[in-house]
Amino acid sequence: MRIFLILLTLSGLIFIGDKVGVLGPVRTAATVVTVPVQGALYSVQQSTFDLFSFLTFWKSGEARIKNLELRLAEAGSQQARADALAKENADLRAQLGAPASLGKKLLPAPVLGQGRYLEIGVGAGDKVAVGQTVVYLNYLIGRVAKISGRESFVALPTDSDSKVPVVIGTAHGLVIGQFNSSAIITQIAQNENLQSGDTIMTSGEGGTYRPGLIVGQVGEIKNDSTALFKQASVTFPLDFERLGTVFISY
């Protein structure tokens, strides 16, 4: 009880002293110590708040960037599909204007890749058969060499086993594939007039290929009067590796 009364008395004196200004010097001395500490604590608080805000913004920004990248990727994919469809539609429209000699029916086939053969996305399930002629517009692409359920493999004129009977003007010959990368034309009689740039077309002889399809052009002619036949390289107007859609001619 005595201690309580003493503390109560001191509290009263401090309150009265503060009101009349007696404790001003003491308060001033105390603020010398407390103000820097208070400022430091406030700075730490603000730094912590700023760091938290930055982390929150960073995570939010990162999520927005990822979402934007995803949307851009989706847009790019959709644009690629749209471009592919537009290209296929253009090919179809162009193919419809090709000569009627290509066949009564044309089956469009997407190109899936190329190794030795040109791989296309139709097969036995689409009534494709080995030996059918493959075209693009009025150009010869090759013939179906192998098939599976939903894929077929087309031997190009450059295939090592490919032999295409052709005609150049009135001259008849044979285009033979060379190492799956090029082709030559041979079996042209020496008395035939053969010029570089002449158009090479399928003759239809032997029934292997439809007649009237453009194979390519005569390239460099090998001049050898002692040989039994004239021989020349073949220049192909189409880049087989850049084909997106081809057509099987029934």
Protein backbone atom coordinates (compact mmCIF):
# COMPACT_ATOMS: atom_id res chain seq x y z
CA MET A 1 0.00 0.00 0.00
CA ARG A 2 2.84 2.33 0.86
CA ILE A 3 4.54 1.59 -2.52
CA PHE A 4 1.30 2.20 -4.37
CA LEU A 5 0.81 5.56 -2.69
CA ILE A 6 4.41 6.53 -3.50
CA LEU A 7 3.98 5.59 -7.18
CA LEU A 8 0.65 7.38 -7.33
CA THR A 9 2.23 10.49 -5.85
CA LEU A 10 5.13 10.37 -8.37
CA SER A 11 2.69 9.98 -11.24
CA GLY A 12 0.79 13.00 -10.07
CA LEU A 13 3.96 15.05 -9.74
CA ILE A 14 5.11 14.02 -13.25
CA PHE A 15 1.74 14.94 -14.72
CA ILE A 16 1.75 18.35 -12.99
CA GLY A 17 5.37 18.94 -13.96
CA ASP A 18 4.60 18.13 -17.59
CA LYS A 19 1.67 20.57 -17.56
CA VAL A 20 3.68 23.47 -16.11
CA GLY A 21 6.69 22.72 -18.40
CA VAL A 22 9.12 21.62 -15.70
CA LEU A 23 9.85 18.32 -17.53
CA GLY A 24 10.60 20.00 -20.88
CA PRO A 25 14.42 19.61 -20.61
CA VAL A 26 14.02 15.95 -19.61
CA ARG A 27 11.67 15.23 -22.54
CA THR A 28 14.07 16.96 -24.93
CA ALA A 29 16.95 14.81 -23.68
CA ALA A 30 14.84 11.68 -24.07
CA THR A 31 13.87 12.51 -27.66
CA VAL A 32 17.56 12.65 -28.58
CA VAL A 33 17.59 8.92 -27.99
CA THR A 34 14.05 7.90 -28.96
CA VAL A 35 13.64 9.83 -32.22
CA PRO A 36 16.50 8.11 -34.10
CA VAL A 37 15.29 4.76 -32.85
CA GLN A 38 11.77 5.57 -33.92
CA GLY A 39 13.00 6.74 -37.33
CA ALA A 40 15.04 3.59 -37.79
CA LEU A 41 12.06 1.41 -36.88
CA TYR A 42 9.87 3.33 -39.35
CA SER A 43 12.48 2.92 -42.10
CA VAL A 44 12.63 -0.83 -41.47
CA GLN A 45 8.85 -0.98 -41.57
CA GLN A 46 8.71 0.91 -44.87
CA SER A 47 11.48 -1.21 -46.38
CA THR A 48 9.65 -4.36 -45.38
CA PHE A 49 6.42 -3.03 -46.87
CA ASP A 50 8.20 -1.99 -50.08
CA LEU A 51 9.85 -5.42 -50.40
CA PHE A 52 6.53 -7.16 -49.87
CA SER A 53 4.90 -4.87 -52.42
CA PHE A 54 7.71 -5.51 -54.92
CA LEU A 55 7.46 -9.28 -54.48
CA THR A 56 3.71 -9.15 -54.91
CA PHE A 57 4.06 -7.00 -58.04
CA TRP A 58 6.83 -9.23 -59.39
CA LYS A 59 4.78 -12.39 -58.97
CA SER A 60 1.76 -10.70 -60.48
CA GLY A 61 3.86 -9.35 -63.37
CA GLU A 62 5.47 -12.72 -63.95
CA ALA A 63 2.05 -14.37 -64.08
CA ARG A 64 0.83 -11.72 -66.52
CA ILE A 65 3.90 -12.19 -68.73
CA LYS A 66 3.42 -15.96 -68.78
CA ASN A 67 -0.24 -15.50 -69.59
CA LEU A 68 0.67 -13.06 -72.39
CA GLU A 69 3.29 -15.46 -73.77
CA LEU A 70 0.72 -18.26 -73.74
CA ARG A 71 -1.79 -16.11 -75.58
CA LEU A 72 0.83 -15.10 -78.13
CA ALA A 73 1.78 -18.75 -78.67
CA GLU A 74 -1.87 -19.68 -79.13
CA ALA A 75 -2.35 -16.80 -81.55
CA GLY A 76 0.75 -17.86 -83.48
CA SER A 77 -0.49 -21.45 -83.65
CA GLN A 78 -3.91 -20.35 -84.83
CA GLN A 79 -2.32 -18.09 -87.44
CA ALA A 80 -0.12 -20.95 -88.64
CA ARG A 81 -3.18 -23.19 -88.98
CA ALA A 82 -5.03 -20.44 -90.81
CA ASP A 83 -2.08 -19.91 -93.17
CA ALA A 84 -1.88 -23.67 -93.81
CA LEU A 85 -5.60 -23.84 -94.57
CA ALA A 86 -5.35 -20.82 -96.85
CA LYS A 87 -2.44 -22.42 -98.69
CA GLU A 88 -4.32 -25.71 -99.00
CA ASN A 89 -7.42 -23.91 -100.30
CA ALA A 90 -5.30 -22.06 -102.84
CA ASP A 91 -3.74 -25.35 -103.93
CA LEU A 92 -7.17 -26.94 -104.27
CA ARG A 93 -8.49 -24.02 -106.34
CA ALA A 94 -5.43 -24.11 -108.56
CA GLN A 95 -5.62 -27.88 -108.91
CA LEU A 96 -9.25 -27.68 -110.04
CA GLY A 97 -8.04 -25.63 -112.99
CA ALA A 98 -5.44 -28.24 -114.01
CA PRO A 99 -5.89 -30.27 -117.21
CA ALA A 100 -8.64 -32.91 -117.18
CA SER A 101 -6.11 -35.53 -118.32
CA LEU A 102 -4.90 -35.77 -114.72
CA GLY A 103 -7.74 -38.14 -113.93
CA LYS A 104 -11.38 -38.27 -112.99
CA LYS A 105 -10.65 -37.81 -109.29
CA LEU A 106 -7.98 -36.01 -107.29
CA LEU A 107 -7.36 -36.84 -103.64
CA PRO A 108 -5.55 -34.06 -101.71
CA ALA A 109 -2.82 -35.31 -99.41
CA PRO A 110 -0.83 -33.28 -96.84
CA VAL A 111 2.93 -33.72 -97.00
CA LEU A 112 4.27 -35.10 -93.70
CA GLY A 113 7.98 -35.22 -94.46
CA GLN A 114 10.64 -36.41 -96.82
CA GLY A 115 13.42 -38.95 -96.59
CA ARG A 116 14.02 -41.25 -99.50
CA TYR A 117 10.28 -41.03 -100.15
CA LEU A 118 7.82 -38.17 -99.88
CA GLU A 119 5.58 -39.12 -96.95
CA ILE A 120 1.95 -38.06 -97.29
CA GLY A 121 -1.00 -38.23 -94.92
CA VAL A 122 -3.36 -40.58 -96.79
CA GLY A 123 -3.18 -44.34 -97.08
CA ALA A 124 -5.03 -47.60 -97.55
CA GLY A 125 -7.94 -46.27 -95.48
CA ASP A 126 -8.39 -43.58 -98.15
CA LYS A 127 -8.35 -46.17 -100.98
CA VAL A 128 -4.83 -45.26 -102.04
CA ALA A 129 -3.04 -47.96 -104.01
CA VAL A 130 0.56 -48.62 -104.97
CA GLY A 131 1.39 -47.28 -108.41
CA GLN A 132 -0.98 -44.32 -108.41
CA THR A 133 0.35 -41.10 -109.89
CA VAL A 134 0.95 -38.14 -107.57
CA VAL A 135 0.74 -34.62 -108.98
CA TYR A 136 0.73 -30.95 -108.11
CA LEU A 137 -1.11 -28.81 -110.66
CA ASN A 138 0.07 -30.30 -113.96
CA TYR A 139 3.50 -31.33 -112.61
CA LEU A 140 4.54 -34.87 -111.89
CA ILE A 141 5.52 -35.47 -108.27
CA GLY A 142 5.98 -39.23 -108.50
CA ARG A 143 4.11 -42.44 -107.87
CA VAL A 144 2.94 -44.25 -104.74
CA ALA A 145 5.61 -46.81 -103.82
CA LYS A 146 4.37 -48.00 -100.40
CA ILE A 147 1.27 -47.53 -98.27
CA SER A 148 0.12 -48.07 -94.71
CA GLY A 149 -3.22 -47.49 -93.00
CA ARG A 150 -3.11 -43.67 -93.04
CA GLU A 151 0.19 -42.88 -94.75
CA SER A 152 1.72 -43.37 -98.17
CA PHE A 153 5.24 -43.05 -99.50
CA VAL A 154 5.84 -41.46 -102.89
CA ALA A 155 8.87 -42.23 -105.04
CA LEU A 156 10.02 -38.97 -106.64
CA PRO A 157 11.58 -38.78 -110.13
CA THR A 158 14.93 -38.43 -108.33
CA ASP A 159 14.54 -41.84 -106.64
CA SER A 160 17.25 -44.33 -107.60
CA ASP A 161 14.63 -46.82 -108.74
CA SER A 162 12.56 -44.27 -110.68
CA LYS A 163 12.34 -44.56 -114.48
CA VAL A 164 9.86 -42.23 -116.14
CA PRO A 165 9.09 -42.56 -119.88
CA VAL A 166 9.04 -39.03 -121.29
CA VAL A 167 8.74 -37.02 -124.45
CA ILE A 168 10.53 -33.81 -125.43
CA GLY A 169 8.87 -32.49 -128.55
CA THR A 170 8.98 -35.49 -130.88
CA ALA A 171 11.87 -37.17 -129.08
CA HIS A 172 11.20 -39.99 -126.65
CA GLY A 173 13.45 -40.83 -123.75
CA LEU A 174 13.67 -41.95 -120.15
CA VAL A 175 14.19 -39.87 -117.00
CA ILE A 176 16.20 -41.88 -114.47
CA GLY A 177 16.66 -40.91 -110.83
CA GLN A 178 20.20 -40.43 -109.52
CA PHE A 179 20.99 -41.17 -105.86
CA ASN A 180 17.66 -39.70 -104.66
CA SER A 181 18.92 -36.17 -105.36
CA SER A 182 18.86 -35.55 -109.12
CA ALA A 183 17.90 -37.13 -112.42
CA ILE A 184 19.13 -37.48 -115.97
CA ILE A 185 17.36 -37.93 -119.26
CA THR A 186 18.73 -40.61 -121.56
CA GLN A 187 17.83 -42.90 -124.46
CA ILE A 188 17.40 -39.87 -126.72
CA ALA A 189 18.55 -40.70 -130.24
CA GLN A 190 21.60 -38.77 -131.37
CA ASN A 191 19.76 -37.39 -134.41
CA GLU A 192 17.08 -35.76 -132.22
CA ASN A 193 17.25 -32.00 -131.73
CA LEU A 194 17.56 -31.50 -127.96
CA GLN A 195 17.95 -28.03 -126.47
CA SER A 196 18.60 -26.87 -122.92
CA GLY A 197 15.34 -25.53 -121.46
CA ASP A 198 13.06 -27.85 -123.46
CA THR A 199 10.05 -29.08 -121.50
CA ILE A 200 10.06 -32.74 -120.48
CA MET A 201 6.64 -34.39 -120.23
CA THR A 202 5.41 -37.87 -119.37
CA SER A 203 4.63 -39.93 -122.46
CA GLY A 204 2.38 -42.46 -120.76
CA GLU A 205 4.30 -45.34 -122.32
CA GLY A 206 4.17 -48.52 -120.30
CA GLY A 207 1.13 -47.29 -118.37
CA THR A 208 3.16 -46.42 -115.27
CA TYR A 209 2.50 -42.67 -115.32
CA ARG A 210 -0.32 -40.62 -116.77
CA PRO A 211 0.67 -38.83 -120.00
CA GLY A 212 0.94 -35.08 -120.38
CA LEU A 213 2.46 -34.23 -116.98
CA ILE A 214 5.42 -31.85 -116.78
CA VAL A 215 8.47 -33.57 -115.33
CA GLY A 216 10.94 -30.71 -115.71
CA GLN A 217 13.24 -29.10 -118.21
CA VAL A 218 16.32 -30.20 -120.07
CA GLY A 219 19.38 -28.98 -118.23
CA GLU A 220 23.01 -29.38 -119.25
CA ILE A 221 23.42 -31.59 -122.32
CA LYS A 222 26.32 -34.01 -122.45
CA ASN A 223 27.87 -33.81 -125.91
CA ASP A 224 29.33 -37.18 -126.82
CA SER A 225 28.87 -38.06 -130.47
CA THR A 226 30.35 -41.52 -129.88
CA ALA A 227 27.64 -42.48 -127.40
CA LEU A 228 24.59 -44.39 -128.55
CA PHE A 229 22.15 -41.93 -126.94
CA LYS A 230 22.15 -38.28 -125.96
CA GLN A 231 22.15 -37.57 -122.26
CA ALA A 232 21.28 -34.45 -120.22
CA SER A 233 20.55 -33.40 -116.68
CA VAL A 234 16.99 -32.62 -115.59
CA THR A 235 15.95 -29.35 -113.94
CA PHE A 236 12.86 -29.64 -111.76
CA PRO A 237 10.51 -26.62 -111.57
CA LEU A 238 9.24 -27.56 -108.10
CA ASP A 239 11.14 -27.81 -104.85
CA PHE A 240 9.89 -31.14 -103.52
CA GLU A 241 11.00 -30.27 -99.99
CA ARG A 242 8.69 -27.23 -99.89
CA LEU A 243 5.49 -28.92 -100.96
CA GLY A 244 2.65 -28.69 -98.45
CA THR A 245 -0.11 -30.51 -100.33
CA VAL A 246 -0.02 -32.93 -103.25
CA PHE A 247 -2.77 -34.80 -105.10
CA ILE A 248 -3.23 -38.46 -105.97
CA SER A 249 -4.66 -38.88 -109.44
CA TYR A 250 -7.14 -41.75 -109.85
